[in-house]
Amino acid sequence: MKQETTQLYPLSPYERGMYLEQKPDPSSTVYNLICFCEFEGVSAEKLRSAVEATFRAHEAFRSVYREQDGELVRLITDDILSVTMQTVPSVEEGSSLYRSKKKRKYTSKKCVQLP
């Protein structure tokens, strides 16, 4: 059985800003990546496997921001993000779906006290 490893690092100013923007609404999808790609001759499962392998290889995809012992830290774990893929019947429908999801905008509704 593989033992999970965890590494902690202080946040950079940019990471701190991202964390503080997300904190008022943890369910916000403002930092979710939405993309539309057309592939021919590639199975969805092979594509998902390749994306997940990329996530495992790069710590940025396995990083989460947390408050721990009163400090903001970046936690790097062996866990990877889930990959959600959707097959659509045509490029037009995929493009329309992409545009509708991309329109989500972020508006800050609360101020966050810096620790």
N, C-alpha and C. Protein backbone atom coordinates (compact mmCIF):
# COMPACT_ATOMS: atom_id res chain seq x y z
N MET A 1 0.84 -1.18 0.00
CA MET A 1 0.00 0.00 0.00
C MET A 1 0.89 1.25 0.00
N LYS A 2 0.56 2.21 -0.86
CA LYS A 2 1.33 3.44 -0.95
C LYS A 2 0.99 4.35 0.23
N GLN A 3 2.03 4.86 0.88
CA GLN A 3 1.81 5.76 2.00
C GLN A 3 1.75 7.19 1.48
N GLU A 4 0.72 7.93 1.88
CA GLU A 4 0.57 9.30 1.42
C GLU A 4 1.60 10.20 2.08
N THR A 5 2.19 11.06 1.29
CA THR A 5 3.14 12.03 1.82
C THR A 5 2.49 13.41 1.75
N THR A 6 2.87 14.25 2.67
CA THR A 6 2.35 15.61 2.71
C THR A 6 3.51 16.56 2.93
N GLN A 7 3.53 17.64 2.15
CA GLN A 7 4.55 18.66 2.29
C GLN A 7 3.84 20.00 2.50
N LEU A 8 4.42 20.83 3.36
CA LEU A 8 3.86 22.16 3.64
C LEU A 8 4.84 23.23 3.21
N TYR A 9 4.32 24.30 2.60
CA TYR A 9 5.13 25.44 2.19
C TYR A 9 4.37 26.71 2.50
N PRO A 10 5.06 27.80 2.83
CA PRO A 10 4.36 29.08 3.00
C PRO A 10 3.82 29.54 1.64
N LEU A 11 2.75 30.32 1.67
CA LEU A 11 2.16 30.81 0.43
C LEU A 11 2.95 31.97 -0.14
N SER A 12 3.04 32.00 -1.46
CA SER A 12 3.60 33.17 -2.14
C SER A 12 2.53 34.27 -2.07
N PRO A 13 2.88 35.52 -2.35
CA PRO A 13 1.86 36.57 -2.33
C PRO A 13 0.70 36.28 -3.30
N TYR A 14 1.00 35.72 -4.46
CA TYR A 14 -0.04 35.38 -5.43
C TYR A 14 -0.96 34.29 -4.88
N GLU A 15 -0.38 33.24 -4.30
CA GLU A 15 -1.17 32.15 -3.72
C GLU A 15 -2.03 32.66 -2.57
N ARG A 16 -1.46 33.55 -1.77
CA ARG A 16 -2.20 34.13 -0.65
C ARG A 16 -3.42 34.89 -1.16
N GLY A 17 -3.25 35.63 -2.24
CA GLY A 17 -4.36 36.36 -2.83
C GLY A 17 -5.45 35.42 -3.34
N MET A 18 -5.04 34.33 -4.00
CA MET A 18 -6.01 33.35 -4.48
C MET A 18 -6.78 32.74 -3.32
N TYR A 19 -6.07 32.40 -2.26
CA TYR A 19 -6.71 31.80 -1.09
C TYR A 19 -7.73 32.77 -0.49
N LEU A 20 -7.33 34.02 -0.32
CA LEU A 20 -8.21 35.00 0.32
C LEU A 20 -9.42 35.34 -0.55
N GLU A 21 -9.27 35.26 -1.88
CA GLU A 21 -10.42 35.48 -2.77
C GLU A 21 -11.42 34.33 -2.67
N GLN A 22 -10.92 33.12 -2.47
CA GLN A 22 -11.76 31.92 -2.42
C GLN A 22 -12.41 31.73 -1.04
N LYS A 23 -11.78 32.25 0.00
CA LYS A 23 -12.22 31.98 1.38
C LYS A 23 -13.68 32.38 1.66
N PRO A 24 -14.16 33.54 1.20
CA PRO A 24 -15.55 33.89 1.50
C PRO A 24 -16.57 32.91 0.91
N ASP A 25 -16.23 32.26 -0.18
CA ASP A 25 -17.16 31.33 -0.84
C ASP A 25 -16.39 30.09 -1.29
N PRO A 26 -16.14 29.15 -0.37
CA PRO A 26 -15.35 27.96 -0.71
C PRO A 26 -15.92 27.12 -1.85
N SER A 27 -17.22 27.24 -2.12
CA SER A 27 -17.80 26.46 -3.21
C SER A 27 -17.68 27.17 -4.56
N SER A 28 -17.09 28.36 -4.57
CA SER A 28 -16.92 29.11 -5.81
C SER A 28 -16.09 28.31 -6.81
N THR A 29 -16.44 28.45 -8.07
CA THR A 29 -15.70 27.76 -9.13
C THR A 29 -14.81 28.73 -9.91
N VAL A 30 -14.51 29.87 -9.31
CA VAL A 30 -13.74 30.90 -10.02
C VAL A 30 -12.39 30.39 -10.52
N TYR A 31 -11.77 29.48 -9.81
CA TYR A 31 -10.46 28.98 -10.22
C TYR A 31 -10.54 27.63 -10.91
N ASN A 32 -11.75 27.17 -11.26
CA ASN A 32 -11.87 25.94 -12.03
C ASN A 32 -11.47 26.19 -13.47
N LEU A 33 -10.84 25.24 -14.07
CA LEU A 33 -10.44 25.35 -15.47
C LEU A 33 -11.48 24.66 -16.33
N ILE A 34 -12.04 25.40 -17.25
CA ILE A 34 -13.01 24.86 -18.18
C ILE A 34 -12.41 24.98 -19.57
N CYS A 35 -12.32 23.87 -20.27
CA CYS A 35 -11.79 23.93 -21.62
C CYS A 35 -12.60 23.04 -22.54
N PHE A 36 -12.54 23.35 -23.81
CA PHE A 36 -13.24 22.59 -24.83
C PHE A 36 -12.21 22.16 -25.85
N CYS A 37 -12.11 20.87 -26.07
CA CYS A 37 -11.14 20.33 -27.03
C CYS A 37 -11.83 19.30 -27.90
N GLU A 38 -11.46 19.29 -29.16
CA GLU A 38 -11.98 18.27 -30.07
C GLU A 38 -10.87 17.27 -30.36
N PHE A 39 -11.14 15.99 -30.14
CA PHE A 39 -10.17 14.94 -30.39
C PHE A 39 -10.78 13.90 -31.32
N GLU A 40 -9.96 13.39 -32.19
CA GLU A 40 -10.39 12.30 -33.05
C GLU A 40 -9.44 11.13 -32.83
N GLY A 41 -10.00 9.93 -32.75
CA GLY A 41 -9.18 8.72 -32.63
C GLY A 41 -8.59 8.49 -31.26
N VAL A 42 -9.09 9.18 -30.23
CA VAL A 42 -8.60 8.99 -28.87
C VAL A 42 -9.79 8.62 -27.99
N SER A 43 -9.64 7.55 -27.22
CA SER A 43 -10.74 7.18 -26.34
C SER A 43 -10.79 8.12 -25.15
N ALA A 44 -11.99 8.35 -24.64
CA ALA A 44 -12.16 9.23 -23.48
C ALA A 44 -11.37 8.71 -22.29
N GLU A 45 -11.35 7.38 -22.11
CA GLU A 45 -10.63 6.80 -20.96
C GLU A 45 -9.12 7.01 -21.07
N LYS A 46 -8.57 6.88 -22.26
CA LYS A 46 -7.13 7.12 -22.45
C LYS A 46 -6.79 8.59 -22.21
N LEU A 47 -7.66 9.46 -22.66
CA LEU A 47 -7.45 10.90 -22.44
C LEU A 47 -7.51 11.22 -20.96
N ARG A 48 -8.50 10.68 -20.26
CA ARG A 48 -8.62 10.91 -18.81
C ARG A 48 -7.38 10.38 -18.10
N SER A 49 -6.91 9.22 -18.48
CA SER A 49 -5.72 8.63 -17.88
C SER A 49 -4.49 9.53 -18.08
N ALA A 50 -4.35 10.09 -19.27
CA ALA A 50 -3.21 10.98 -19.56
C ALA A 50 -3.28 12.26 -18.73
N VAL A 51 -4.48 12.83 -18.60
CA VAL A 51 -4.65 14.04 -17.80
C VAL A 51 -4.34 13.75 -16.33
N GLU A 52 -4.85 12.64 -15.82
CA GLU A 52 -4.58 12.28 -14.43
C GLU A 52 -3.10 12.02 -14.19
N ALA A 53 -2.38 11.42 -15.16
CA ALA A 53 -0.94 11.20 -15.03
C ALA A 53 -0.21 12.54 -14.97
N THR A 54 -0.68 13.51 -15.75
CA THR A 54 -0.09 14.85 -15.71
C THR A 54 -0.31 15.48 -14.34
N PHE A 55 -1.51 15.33 -13.79
CA PHE A 55 -1.80 15.87 -12.46
C PHE A 55 -0.90 15.24 -11.40
N ARG A 56 -0.68 13.93 -11.50
CA ARG A 56 0.19 13.26 -10.53
C ARG A 56 1.63 13.74 -10.64
N ALA A 57 2.07 14.08 -11.84
CA ALA A 57 3.46 14.45 -12.07
C ALA A 57 3.80 15.87 -11.62
N HIS A 58 2.82 16.73 -11.50
CA HIS A 58 3.09 18.15 -11.20
C HIS A 58 2.41 18.56 -9.91
N GLU A 59 3.19 19.03 -8.95
CA GLU A 59 2.67 19.35 -7.63
C GLU A 59 1.65 20.48 -7.62
N ALA A 60 1.67 21.34 -8.61
CA ALA A 60 0.69 22.43 -8.65
C ALA A 60 -0.74 21.88 -8.70
N PHE A 61 -0.92 20.73 -9.33
CA PHE A 61 -2.24 20.11 -9.42
C PHE A 61 -2.62 19.34 -8.16
N ARG A 62 -1.67 19.13 -7.27
CA ARG A 62 -1.93 18.40 -6.03
C ARG A 62 -1.84 19.31 -4.81
N SER A 63 -1.87 20.60 -5.05
CA SER A 63 -1.72 21.59 -3.98
C SER A 63 -3.08 22.14 -3.54
N VAL A 64 -3.21 22.32 -2.25
CA VAL A 64 -4.38 22.99 -1.69
C VAL A 64 -3.87 24.03 -0.69
N TYR A 65 -4.65 25.07 -0.49
CA TYR A 65 -4.27 26.12 0.45
C TYR A 65 -5.10 25.95 1.71
N ARG A 66 -4.43 26.09 2.84
CA ARG A 66 -5.10 25.89 4.13
C ARG A 66 -4.54 26.84 5.17
N GLU A 67 -5.31 26.99 6.23
CA GLU A 67 -4.81 27.65 7.42
C GLU A 67 -4.43 26.54 8.39
N GLN A 68 -3.19 26.56 8.84
CA GLN A 68 -2.73 25.54 9.78
C GLN A 68 -1.90 26.22 10.85
N ASP A 69 -2.31 26.03 12.10
CA ASP A 69 -1.64 26.65 13.24
C ASP A 69 -1.52 28.16 13.07
N GLY A 70 -2.59 28.77 12.52
CA GLY A 70 -2.63 30.22 12.35
C GLY A 70 -1.86 30.76 11.16
N GLU A 71 -1.28 29.89 10.36
CA GLU A 71 -0.51 30.30 9.18
C GLU A 71 -1.19 29.81 7.91
N LEU A 72 -1.07 30.59 6.83
CA LEU A 72 -1.56 30.14 5.54
C LEU A 72 -0.46 29.30 4.89
N VAL A 73 -0.80 28.10 4.47
CA VAL A 73 0.20 27.19 3.88
C VAL A 73 -0.35 26.54 2.62
N ARG A 74 0.59 26.11 1.78
CA ARG A 74 0.26 25.29 0.62
C ARG A 74 0.57 23.85 1.00
N LEU A 75 -0.41 23.00 0.90
CA LEU A 75 -0.29 21.61 1.26
C LEU A 75 -0.20 20.80 -0.04
N ILE A 76 0.85 20.03 -0.18
CA ILE A 76 1.01 19.19 -1.37
C ILE A 76 0.81 17.74 -0.94
N THR A 77 -0.14 17.08 -1.56
CA THR A 77 -0.45 15.70 -1.19
C THR A 77 -0.33 14.79 -2.41
N ASP A 78 -0.53 13.52 -2.18
CA ASP A 78 -0.55 12.55 -3.27
C ASP A 78 -1.91 12.50 -3.95
N ASP A 79 -2.92 13.14 -3.34
CA ASP A 79 -4.26 13.16 -3.93
C ASP A 79 -4.24 13.99 -5.21
N ILE A 80 -5.02 13.58 -6.20
CA ILE A 80 -5.13 14.37 -7.42
C ILE A 80 -6.55 14.87 -7.56
N LEU A 81 -6.70 15.94 -8.32
CA LEU A 81 -8.01 16.50 -8.58
C LEU A 81 -8.82 15.54 -9.44
N SER A 82 -10.11 15.61 -9.31
CA SER A 82 -10.94 14.79 -10.17
C SER A 82 -11.04 15.45 -11.55
N VAL A 83 -11.10 14.62 -12.55
CA VAL A 83 -11.21 15.09 -13.93
C VAL A 83 -12.63 14.79 -14.39
N THR A 84 -13.35 15.83 -14.77
CA THR A 84 -14.71 15.65 -15.27
C THR A 84 -14.69 15.88 -16.77
N MET A 85 -15.13 14.88 -17.50
CA MET A 85 -15.16 14.99 -18.95
C MET A 85 -16.59 14.76 -19.41
N GLN A 86 -16.95 15.45 -20.47
CA GLN A 86 -18.29 15.30 -21.01
C GLN A 86 -18.18 15.14 -22.51
N THR A 87 -18.81 14.12 -23.04
CA THR A 87 -18.84 13.90 -24.49
C THR A 87 -20.08 14.56 -25.05
N VAL A 88 -19.90 15.29 -26.13
CA VAL A 88 -21.03 15.95 -26.77
C VAL A 88 -21.13 15.45 -28.22
N PRO A 89 -22.35 15.48 -28.78
CA PRO A 89 -22.54 14.89 -30.11
C PRO A 89 -21.94 15.68 -31.26
N SER A 90 -21.66 16.98 -31.04
CA SER A 90 -21.12 17.77 -32.15
C SER A 90 -20.22 18.88 -31.61
N VAL A 91 -19.37 19.38 -32.49
CA VAL A 91 -18.49 20.50 -32.13
C VAL A 91 -19.32 21.72 -31.76
N GLU A 92 -20.40 21.94 -32.47
CA GLU A 92 -21.26 23.10 -32.20
C GLU A 92 -21.84 23.04 -30.79
N GLU A 93 -22.33 21.85 -30.40
CA GLU A 93 -22.89 21.72 -29.05
C GLU A 93 -21.81 21.85 -27.98
N GLY A 94 -20.63 21.32 -28.25
CA GLY A 94 -19.51 21.45 -27.31
C GLY A 94 -19.10 22.90 -27.16
N SER A 95 -19.03 23.60 -28.27
CA SER A 95 -18.66 25.02 -28.24
C SER A 95 -19.69 25.84 -27.48
N SER A 96 -20.96 25.54 -27.68
CA SER A 96 -22.03 26.25 -26.98
C SER A 96 -21.96 25.97 -25.48
N LEU A 97 -21.75 24.72 -25.10
CA LEU A 97 -21.62 24.36 -23.69
C LEU A 97 -20.44 25.08 -23.05
N TYR A 98 -19.31 25.11 -23.76
CA TYR A 98 -18.11 25.78 -23.27
C TYR A 98 -18.39 27.26 -23.03
N ARG A 99 -18.99 27.92 -23.99
CA ARG A 99 -19.28 29.36 -23.85
C ARG A 99 -20.21 29.63 -22.67
N SER A 100 -21.21 28.77 -22.46
CA SER A 100 -22.15 29.00 -21.36
C SER A 100 -21.47 28.84 -20.00
N LYS A 101 -20.55 27.91 -19.87
CA LYS A 101 -19.86 27.71 -18.59
C LYS A 101 -18.77 28.75 -18.38
N LYS A 102 -18.18 29.24 -19.44
CA LYS A 102 -17.09 30.21 -19.34
C LYS A 102 -17.59 31.58 -18.91
N LYS A 103 -18.86 31.86 -19.06
CA LYS A 103 -19.41 33.18 -18.75
C LYS A 103 -19.46 33.47 -17.26
N ARG A 104 -19.23 32.47 -16.43
CA ARG A 104 -19.29 32.71 -14.99
C ARG A 104 -18.23 33.73 -14.60
N LYS A 105 -18.63 34.74 -13.89
CA LYS A 105 -17.72 35.78 -13.45
C LYS A 105 -17.60 35.76 -11.94
N TYR A 106 -16.49 36.25 -11.43
CA TYR A 106 -16.27 36.32 -10.00
C TYR A 106 -16.51 37.75 -9.53
N THR A 107 -17.30 37.90 -8.51
CA THR A 107 -17.47 39.19 -7.87
C THR A 107 -17.28 39.00 -6.38
N SER A 108 -16.45 39.81 -5.79
CA SER A 108 -16.18 39.70 -4.37
C SER A 108 -17.32 40.33 -3.61
N LYS A 109 -17.90 39.57 -2.70
CA LYS A 109 -19.01 40.06 -1.90
C LYS A 109 -18.60 40.36 -0.47
N LYS A 110 -17.46 39.85 -0.08
CA LYS A 110 -17.03 40.02 1.31
C LYS A 110 -15.56 40.41 1.33
N CYS A 111 -15.20 41.08 2.37
CA CYS A 111 -13.78 41.37 2.62
C CYS A 111 -13.27 40.35 3.62
N VAL A 112 -12.03 39.99 3.50
CA VAL A 112 -11.44 39.00 4.41
C VAL A 112 -10.32 39.68 5.18
N GLN A 113 -10.34 39.53 6.48
CA GLN A 113 -9.29 40.05 7.33
C GLN A 113 -8.02 39.23 7.12
N LEU A 114 -6.93 39.89 6.81
CA LEU A 114 -5.66 39.18 6.64
C LEU A 114 -5.15 38.72 8.00
N PRO A 115 -4.68 37.44 8.06
CA PRO A 115 -4.15 36.95 9.35
C PRO A 115 -2.85 37.64 9.72
